[in-house]
PDB file of N, CA and C in Angstrom:
ATOM      1  N   UNK A   1     157.942 156.083  61.539  1.00  0.00           N
ATOM      2  CA  UNK A   1     157.051 157.068  62.135  1.00  0.00           C
ATOM      3  C   UNK A   1     156.369 157.849  61.025  1.00  0.00           C
ATOM      4  N   UNK A   2     155.103 158.120  61.211  1.00  0.00           N
ATOM      5  CA  UNK A   2     154.385 158.884  60.194  1.00  0.00           C
ATOM      6  C   UNK A   2     154.748 160.359  60.290  1.00  0.00           C
ATOM      7  N   UNK A   3     154.369 161.114  59.293  1.00  0.00           N
ATOM      8  CA  UNK A   3     154.702 162.534  59.244  1.00  0.00           C
ATOM      9  C   UNK A   3     154.121 163.318  60.399  1.00  0.00           C
ATOM     10  N   UNK A   4     152.866 163.041  60.768  1.00  0.00           N
ATOM     11  CA  UNK A   4     152.211 163.793  61.846  1.00  0.00           C
ATOM     12  C   UNK A   4     152.862 163.512  63.192  1.00  0.00           C
ATOM     13  N   UNK A   5     153.169 162.242  63.477  1.00  0.00           N
ATOM     14  CA  UNK A   5     153.782 161.944  64.774  1.00  0.00           C
ATOM     15  C   UNK A   5     155.217 162.443  64.841  1.00  0.00           C
ATOM     16  N   UNK A   6     155.905 162.461  63.706  1.00  0.00           N
ATOM     17  CA  UNK A   6     157.260 163.012  63.674  1.00  0.00           C
ATOM     18  C   UNK A   6     157.245 164.508  63.958  1.00  0.00           C
ATOM     19  N   UNK A   7     156.277 165.206  63.385  1.00  0.00           N
ATOM     20  CA  UNK A   7     156.159 166.644  63.630  1.00  0.00           C
ATOM     21  C   UNK A   7     155.791 166.916  65.083  1.00  0.00           C
ATOM     22  N   UNK A   8     154.946 166.075  65.663  1.00  0.00           N
ATOM     23  CA  UNK A   8     154.556 166.243  67.061  1.00  0.00           C
ATOM     24  C   UNK A   8     155.762 166.022  67.977  1.00  0.00           C
ATOM     25  N   UNK A   9     156.573 165.035  67.670  1.00  0.00           N
ATOM     26  CA  UNK A   9     157.765 164.777  68.472  1.00  0.00           C
ATOM     27  C   UNK A   9     158.737 165.940  68.400  1.00  0.00           C
ATOM     28  N   UNK A  10     158.933 166.484  67.215  1.00  0.00           N
ATOM     29  CA  UNK A  10     159.835 167.627  67.062  1.00  0.00           C
ATOM     30  C   UNK A  10     159.298 168.848  67.800  1.00  0.00           C
ATOM     31  N   UNK A  11     157.992 169.047  67.775  1.00  0.00           N
ATOM     32  CA  UNK A  11     157.387 170.176  68.496  1.00  0.00           C
ATOM     33  C   UNK A  11     157.566 170.000  69.996  1.00  0.00           C
ATOM     34  N   UNK A  12     157.434 168.781  70.487  1.00  0.00           N
ATOM     35  CA  UNK A  12     157.628 168.504  71.908  1.00  0.00           C
ATOM     36  C   UNK A  12     159.051 168.758  72.350  1.00  0.00           C
ATOM     37  N   UNK A  13     160.003 168.359  71.522  1.00  0.00           N
ATOM     38  CA  UNK A  13     161.416 168.604  71.837  1.00  0.00           C
ATOM     39  C   UNK A  13     161.696 170.094  71.845  1.00  0.00           C
ATOM     40  N   UNK A  14     161.155 170.813  70.879  1.00  0.00           N
ATOM     41  CA  UNK A  14     161.335 172.266  70.814  1.00  0.00           C
ATOM     42  C   UNK A  14     160.729 172.969  72.015  1.00  0.00           C
ATOM     43  N   UNK A  15     159.549 172.532  72.433  1.00  0.00           N
ATOM     44  CA  UNK A  15     158.895 173.112  73.595  1.00  0.00           C
ATOM     45  C   UNK A  15     159.709 172.841  74.857  1.00  0.00           C
ATOM     46  N   UNK A  16     160.219 171.633  74.999  1.00  0.00           N
ATOM     47  CA  UNK A  16     161.050 171.293  76.164  1.00  0.00           C
ATOM     48  C   UNK A  16     162.299 172.151  76.228  1.00  0.00           C
ATOM     49  N   UNK A  17     162.922 172.378  75.087  1.00  0.00           N
ATOM     50  CA  UNK A  17     164.111 173.222  75.046  1.00  0.00           C
ATOM     51  C   UNK A  17     163.776 174.662  75.424  1.00  0.00           C
ATOM     52  N   UNK A  18     162.654 175.171  74.921  1.00  0.00           N
ATOM     53  CA  UNK A  18     162.265 176.539  75.225  1.00  0.00           C
ATOM     54  C   UNK A  18     161.981 176.715  76.719  1.00  0.00           C
ATOM     55  N   UNK A  19     161.295 175.751  77.319  1.00  0.00           N
ATOM     56  CA  UNK A  19     161.009 175.825  78.758  1.00  0.00           C
ATOM     57  C   UNK A  19     162.306 175.738  79.556  1.00  0.00           C
ATOM     58  N   UNK A  20     163.202 174.833  79.161  1.00  0.00           N
ATOM     59  CA  UNK A  20     164.475 174.678  79.868  1.00  0.00           C
ATOM     60  C   UNK A  20     165.304 175.960  79.805  1.00  0.00           C
ATOM     61  N   UNK A  21     165.357 176.594  78.647  1.00  0.00           N
ATOM     62  CA  UNK A  21     166.116 177.839  78.492  1.00  0.00           C
ATOM     63  C   UNK A  21     165.500 178.940  79.354  1.00  0.00           C
ATOM     64  N   UNK A  22     164.174 179.028  79.370  1.00  0.00           N
ATOM     65  CA  UNK A  22     163.502 180.058  80.169  1.00  0.00           C
ATOM     66  C   UNK A  22     163.770 179.865  81.661  1.00  0.00           C
ATOM     67  N   UNK A  23     163.682 178.639  82.136  1.00  0.00           N
ATOM     68  CA  UNK A  23     163.963 178.352  83.550  1.00  0.00           C
ATOM     69  C   UNK A  23     165.416 178.682  83.867  1.00  0.00           C
ATOM     70  N   UNK A  24     166.317 178.210  83.013  1.00  0.00           N
ATOM     71  CA  UNK A  24     167.741 178.430  83.237  1.00  0.00           C
ATOM     72  C   UNK A  24     168.071 179.918  83.273  1.00  0.00           C
ATOM     73  N   UNK A  25     167.537 180.682  82.337  1.00  0.00           N
ATOM     74  CA  UNK A  25     167.830 182.114  82.296  1.00  0.00           C
ATOM     75  C   UNK A  25     167.297 182.804  83.542  1.00  0.00           C
ATOM     76  N   UNK A  26     166.098 182.429  83.993  1.00  0.00           N
ATOM     77  CA  UNK A  26     165.521 183.081  85.171  1.00  0.00           C
ATOM     78  C   UNK A  26     166.326 182.767  86.432  1.00  0.00           C
ATOM     79  N   UNK A  27     166.977 181.612  86.463  1.00  0.00           N
ATOM     80  CA  UNK A  27     167.762 181.249  87.645  1.00  0.00           C
ATOM     81  C   UNK A  27     169.190 181.762  87.597  1.00  0.00           C
ATOM     82  N   UNK A  28     169.827 181.696  86.418  1.00  0.00           N
ATOM     83  CA  UNK A  28     171.272 181.949  86.326  1.00  0.00           C
ATOM     84  C   UNK A  28     171.666 183.199  85.548  1.00  0.00           C
ATOM     85  N   UNK A  29     170.800 183.737  84.707  1.00  0.00           N
ATOM     86  CA  UNK A  29     171.120 184.859  83.818  1.00  0.00           C
ATOM     87  C   UNK A  29     172.439 184.618  83.080  1.00  0.00           C
ATOM     88  N   UNK A  30     172.628 183.398  82.576  1.00  0.00           N
ATOM     89  CA  UNK A  30     173.844 183.016  81.868  1.00  0.00           C
ATOM     90  C   UNK A  30     173.481 182.359  80.541  1.00  0.00           C
ATOM     91  N   UNK A  31     174.037 182.883  79.467  1.00  0.00           N
ATOM     92  CA  UNK A  31     173.775 182.308  78.151  1.00  0.00           C
ATOM     93  C   UNK A  31     174.365 180.905  78.058  1.00  0.00           C
ATOM     94  N   UNK A  32     175.536 180.696  78.640  1.00  0.00           N
ATOM     95  CA  UNK A  32     176.175 179.381  78.580  1.00  0.00           C
ATOM     96  C   UNK A  32     175.293 178.327  79.247  1.00  0.00           C
ATOM     97  N   UNK A  33     174.805 178.620  80.464  1.00  0.00           N
ATOM     98  CA  UNK A  33     173.933 177.663  81.153  1.00  0.00           C
ATOM     99  C   UNK A  33     172.631 177.473  80.398  1.00  0.00           C
ATOM    100  N   UNK A  34     172.093 178.529  79.808  1.00  0.00           N
ATOM    101  CA  UNK A  34     170.852 178.410  79.035  1.00  0.00           C
ATOM    102  C   UNK A  34     171.040 177.469  77.848  1.00  0.00           C
ATOM    103  N   UNK A  35     172.191 177.551  77.182  1.00  0.00           N
ATOM    104  CA  UNK A  35     172.479 176.660  76.055  1.00  0.00           C
ATOM    105  C   UNK A  35     172.597 175.222  76.527  1.00  0.00           C
ATOM    106  N   UNK A  36     173.341 175.009  77.614  1.00  0.00           N
ATOM    107  CA  UNK A  36     173.512 173.654  78.155  1.00  0.00           C
ATOM    108  C   UNK A  36     172.162 173.066  78.533  1.00  0.00           C
ATOM    109  N   UNK A  37     171.351 173.838  79.256  1.00  0.00           N
ATOM    110  CA  UNK A  37     170.057 173.334  79.682  1.00  0.00           C
ATOM    111  C   UNK A  37     169.097 173.170  78.505  1.00  0.00           C
ATOM    112  N   UNK A  38     169.249 173.983  77.470  1.00  0.00           N
ATOM    113  CA  UNK A  38     168.446 173.810  76.256  1.00  0.00           C
ATOM    114  C   UNK A  38     168.729 172.481  75.581  1.00  0.00           C
ATOM    115  N   UNK A  39     169.999 172.059  75.579  1.00  0.00           N
ATOM    116  CA  UNK A  39     170.346 170.751  75.013  1.00  0.00           C
ATOM    117  C   UNK A  39     169.767 169.623  75.860  1.00  0.00           C
ATOM    118  N   UNK A  40     169.718 169.802  77.162  1.00  0.00           N
ATOM    119  CA  UNK A  40     169.172 168.767  78.043  1.00  0.00           C
ATOM    120  C   UNK A  40     167.647 168.696  77.962  1.00  0.00           C
ATOM    121  N   UNK A  41     167.019 169.786  77.552  1.00  0.00           N
ATOM    122  CA  UNK A  41     165.592 169.860  77.261  1.00  0.00           C
ATOM    123  C   UNK A  41     164.720 169.351  78.405  1.00  0.00           C
ATOM    124  N   UNK A  42     163.894 168.363  78.126  1.00  0.00           N
ATOM    125  CA  UNK A  42     162.924 167.883  79.121  1.00  0.00           C
ATOM    126  C   UNK A  42     163.599 167.297  80.351  1.00  0.00           C
ATOM    127  N   UNK A  43     164.823 166.780  80.223  1.00  0.00           N
ATOM    128  CA  UNK A  43     165.516 166.233  81.397  1.00  0.00           C
ATOM    129  C   UNK A  43     165.742 167.325  82.439  1.00  0.00           C
ATOM    130  N   UNK A  44     166.135 168.510  81.978  1.00  0.00           N
ATOM    131  CA  UNK A  44     166.345 169.619  82.910  1.00  0.00           C
ATOM    132  C   UNK A  44     165.024 170.117  83.477  1.00  0.00           C
ATOM    133  N   UNK A  45     163.981 170.181  82.657  1.00  0.00           N
ATOM    134  CA  UNK A  45     162.675 170.637  83.125  1.00  0.00           C
ATOM    135  C   UNK A  45     162.161 169.709  84.230  1.00  0.00           C
ATOM    136  N   UNK A  46     162.259 168.407  84.024  1.00  0.00           N
ATOM    137  CA  UNK A  46     161.809 167.434  85.030  1.00  0.00           C
ATOM    138  C   UNK A  46     162.673 167.530  86.280  1.00  0.00           C
ATOM    139  N   UNK A  47     163.987 167.656  86.107  1.00  0.00           N
ATOM    140  CA  UNK A  47     164.892 167.806  87.256  1.00  0.00           C
ATOM    141  C   UNK A  47     164.510 169.031  88.078  1.00  0.00           C
ATOM    142  N   UNK A  48     164.267 170.147  87.398  1.00  0.00           N
ATOM    143  CA  UNK A  48     163.892 171.378  88.080  1.00  0.00           C
ATOM    144  C   UNK A  48     162.585 171.195  88.843  1.00  0.00           C
ATOM    145  N   UNK A  49     161.605 170.570  88.211  1.00  0.00           N
ATOM    146  CA  UNK A  49     160.306 170.370  88.848  1.00  0.00           C
ATOM    147  C   UNK A  49     160.419 169.490  90.090  1.00  0.00           C
ATOM    148  N   UNK A  50     161.287 168.495  90.037  1.00  0.00           N
ATOM    149  CA  UNK A  50     161.428 167.571  91.163  1.00  0.00           C
ATOM    150  C   UNK A  50     162.259 168.128  92.307  1.00  0.00           C
ATOM    151  N   UNK A  51     163.163 169.061  92.026  1.00  0.00           N
ATOM    152  CA  UNK A  51     164.090 169.526  93.061  1.00  0.00           C
ATOM    153  C   UNK A  51     163.714 170.882  93.665  1.00  0.00           C
ATOM    154  N   UNK A  52     162.765 171.582  93.088  1.00  0.00           N
ATOM    155  CA  UNK A  52     162.383 172.875  93.649  1.00  0.00           C
ATOM    156  C   UNK A  52     161.509 172.681  94.881  1.00  0.00           C
ATOM    157  N   UNK A  53     161.483 173.633  95.773  1.00  0.00           N
ATOM    158  CA  UNK A  53     160.636 173.515  96.965  1.00  0.00           C
ATOM    159  C   UNK A  53     159.171 173.344  96.571  1.00  0.00           C
ATOM    160  N   UNK A  54     158.508 172.394  97.175  1.00  0.00           N
ATOM    161  CA  UNK A  54     157.105 172.125  96.859  1.00  0.00           C
ATOM    162  C   UNK A  54     156.926 171.075  95.799  1.00  0.00           C
ATOM    163  N   UNK A  55     158.023 170.692  95.118  1.00  0.00           N
ATOM    164  CA  UNK A  55     157.937 169.647  94.103  1.00  0.00           C
ATOM    165  C   UNK A  55     157.113 170.046  92.906  1.00  0.00           C
ATOM    166  N   UNK A  56     156.527 169.079  92.243  1.00  0.00           N
ATOM    167  CA  UNK A  56     155.780 169.316  91.013  1.00  0.00           C
ATOM    168  C   UNK A  56     154.491 170.089  91.284  1.00  0.00           C
ATOM    169  N   UNK A  57     153.903 169.874  92.453  1.00  0.00           N
ATOM    170  CA  UNK A  57     152.612 170.507  92.735  1.00  0.00           C
ATOM    171  C   UNK A  57     152.732 171.999  93.040  1.00  0.00           C
ATOM    172  N   UNK A  58     153.944 172.493  93.182  1.00  0.00           N
ATOM    173  CA  UNK A  58     154.113 173.923  93.384  1.00  0.00           C
ATOM    174  C   UNK A  58     154.565 174.224  94.753  1.00  0.00           C
TER     175      UNK A  58
END
């Protein structure tokens, strides 16, 4: 992988973790759950989007 695509991948992973932590904190107000969901990153974000009322479209 080239340097630019590697940096883009790392930025995407970081963004996914930040979104997952924000969602988790707003739902649970628990640092432990926020850490767990931060490790799951985009998997938790996609799970949340698919399981919330209204689905991905809101």
